[in-house]
Each structure stands twice: as C-alpha cells, then as structure tokens.
Protein backbone atom coordinates (compact mmCIF):
# COMPACT_ATOMS: atom_id res chain seq x y z
CA UNK A 1 10.16 12.71 8.96
CA UNK A 2 7.81 14.88 7.19
CA UNK A 3 4.57 13.40 6.03
CA UNK A 4 6.53 12.87 1.92
CA UNK A 5 9.62 12.05 3.06
CA UNK A 6 8.18 9.05 5.48
CA UNK A 7 5.84 7.96 2.21
CA UNK A 8 9.09 8.09 0.18
CA UNK A 9 10.77 6.13 2.97
CA UNK A 10 8.95 3.49 2.98
CA UNK A 11 8.34 2.74 -0.25
CA UNK A 12 11.76 2.73 -1.09
CA UNK A 13 11.66 0.46 2.05
CA UNK A 14 8.80 -2.57 2.05
CA UNK A 15 11.42 -2.25 -1.91
CA UNK A 16 14.52 -2.90 -1.22
CA UNK A 17 13.23 -5.99 0.67
CA UNK A 18 12.96 -4.33 4.08
CA UNK A 19 9.32 -4.45 5.25
CA UNK A 20 9.60 -4.38 8.37
CA UNK A 21 11.00 -0.92 8.59
CA UNK A 22 8.62 -0.06 5.47
CA UNK A 23 6.51 -1.13 8.23
CA UNK A 24 6.96 0.31 11.22
CA UNK A 25 6.90 4.19 9.24
CA UNK A 26 4.19 3.60 7.72
CA UNK A 27 2.59 3.31 11.40
CA UNK A 28 3.47 6.48 11.18
CA UNK A 29 2.15 8.37 8.98
CA UNK A 30 -1.48 9.49 9.65
CA UNK A 31 -3.18 10.49 7.12
CA UNK A 32 -6.28 9.49 3.99
CA UNK A 33 -2.40 8.20 2.29
CA UNK A 34 -1.11 6.66 5.05
CA UNK A 35 -3.54 3.51 5.70
CA UNK A 36 -3.92 3.09 2.48
CA UNK A 37 0.02 3.22 2.22
CA UNK A 38 -0.28 0.61 5.09
CA UNK A 39 -2.98 -1.14 3.77
CA UNK A 40 -0.79 -1.80 0.69
CA UNK A 41 2.08 -3.57 3.19
CA UNK A 42 -0.45 -5.78 4.77
CA UNK A 43 -2.04 -7.67 1.69
CA UNK A 44 1.60 -7.73 0.29
CA UNK A 45 1.89 -9.37 3.45
CA UNK A 46 -0.90 -12.01 3.14
CA UNK A 47 -2.42 -9.78 6.08
CA UNK A 48 -6.04 -9.47 3.94
CA UNK A 49 -7.74 -8.87 6.75
CA UNK A 50 -5.68 -5.95 8.48
CA UNK A 51 -5.59 -5.05 4.38
CA UNK A 52 -9.41 -3.37 4.46
CA UNK A 53 -9.14 -1.95 7.53
CA UNK A 54 -6.08 0.88 6.41
CA UNK A 55 -7.92 0.89 3.01
CA UNK A 56 -11.67 1.65 4.73
CA UNK A 57 -9.46 3.65 6.49
CA UNK A 58 -7.75 5.11 3.25
CA UNK A 59 -11.43 6.69 2.57
CA UNK A 60 -11.64 6.20 -0.84
CA UNK A 61 -8.43 7.58 -1.87
CA UNK A 62 -7.71 4.32 -3.69
CA UNK A 63 -10.75 5.12 -5.71
CA UNK A 64 -9.75 8.51 -5.83
CA UNK A 65 -6.16 6.96 -7.56
CA UNK A 66 -8.27 4.91 -9.92
CA UNK A 67 -7.75 2.16 -8.37
CA UNK A 68 -9.86 -0.96 -7.74
CA UNK A 69 -7.86 -1.47 -4.09
CA UNK A 70 -10.96 -4.90 -2.63
CA UNK A 71 -10.79 -6.65 -6.66
CA UNK A 72 -6.18 -6.84 -6.50
CA UNK A 73 -7.45 -8.01 -2.44
CA UNK A 74 -9.34 -10.36 -4.15
CA UNK A 75 -7.05 -11.89 -6.72
CA UNK A 76 -4.27 -11.78 -4.12
CA UNK A 77 -6.73 -14.18 -2.65
CA UNK A 78 -7.15 -16.33 -5.65
CA UNK A 79 -4.30 -16.89 -5.68
CA UNK A 80 -3.64 -18.04 -1.61
CA UNK A 81 -1.29 -15.05 -1.13
CA UNK A 82 1.54 -15.94 -3.57
CA UNK A 83 0.68 -13.26 -6.34
CA UNK A 84 1.70 -13.70 -9.62
CA UNK A 85 4.07 -11.49 -11.62
CA UNK A 86 0.85 -9.49 -13.35
CA UNK A 87 -0.74 -9.08 -9.14
CA UNK A 88 2.96 -8.57 -8.58
CA UNK A 89 2.93 -5.72 -11.02
CA UNK A 90 0.10 -4.03 -9.96
CA UNK A 91 1.17 -3.69 -6.68
CA UNK A 92 4.51 -2.01 -7.88
CA UNK A 93 1.79 0.50 -10.01
CA UNK A 94 0.11 1.63 -6.62
CA UNK A 95 2.70 2.45 -4.74
CA UNK A 96 4.12 4.97 -7.68
CA UNK A 97 0.84 5.97 -7.08
CA UNK A 98 1.60 6.23 -3.20
CA UNK A 99 4.49 8.41 -4.54
CA UNK A 100 3.04 10.30 -7.90
CA UNK A 101 -0.16 10.75 -5.20
CA UNK A 102 2.25 12.15 -1.65
CA UNK A 103 4.43 14.53 -4.85
CA UNK A 104 1.18 15.86 -5.02
CA UNK A 105 -0.29 16.91 -1.88
C-alpha cells in the first residue's frame, strides 16, 4: 500500500470506528504526516503522553497545517479524556487536514 493510500485508509478506518485497524496501518507510515496521524489516534484514545511523543516526531507538521495540536491536547486533558462535541469536530478537522496534506505531497 503506498503512502497516500495508507493515510487515507487509516483515516477511513478510524472514522468508521475501527481504531485498532487504523492504528495498525498508521504504525507503518514512517514520515512526519504518519507520525502526526499516529499522535491524533493516541490523543483520541486519551493516551496524551504517547500522543505528544508522536507529535514531536511529526517535526512541526501540525503548525505547518495551521493546527495547534498542543492546545487541543490540553483541552482534551481538561475534559478528562471525554471530548466535547466541539473537540470531536476539531479532531475531525485535523483528520481532514491530514488527508488534504497527503494528497498534496
């Protein structure tokens, strides 16, 4: 599976509620965008320390996309890991940003 297809499939699976399958795919994507998506998945699971690790490995990609991933992590932590509808919407926007980025590269 090529890089773009893997990213799209991981996002599709995550949105379909197949978190484990999405995570399995994203683990094989060794790039800043793959690391960023990996961080998104961990943050969505409430695994904030692991999410931060992957965000660091993304080499600032969220900022390049205009996303403050650190702020979203802080907001999710304040919600005790239970995203409000607004935060869930922001996560969806990040996933869409990953897809757009992957189509451009």
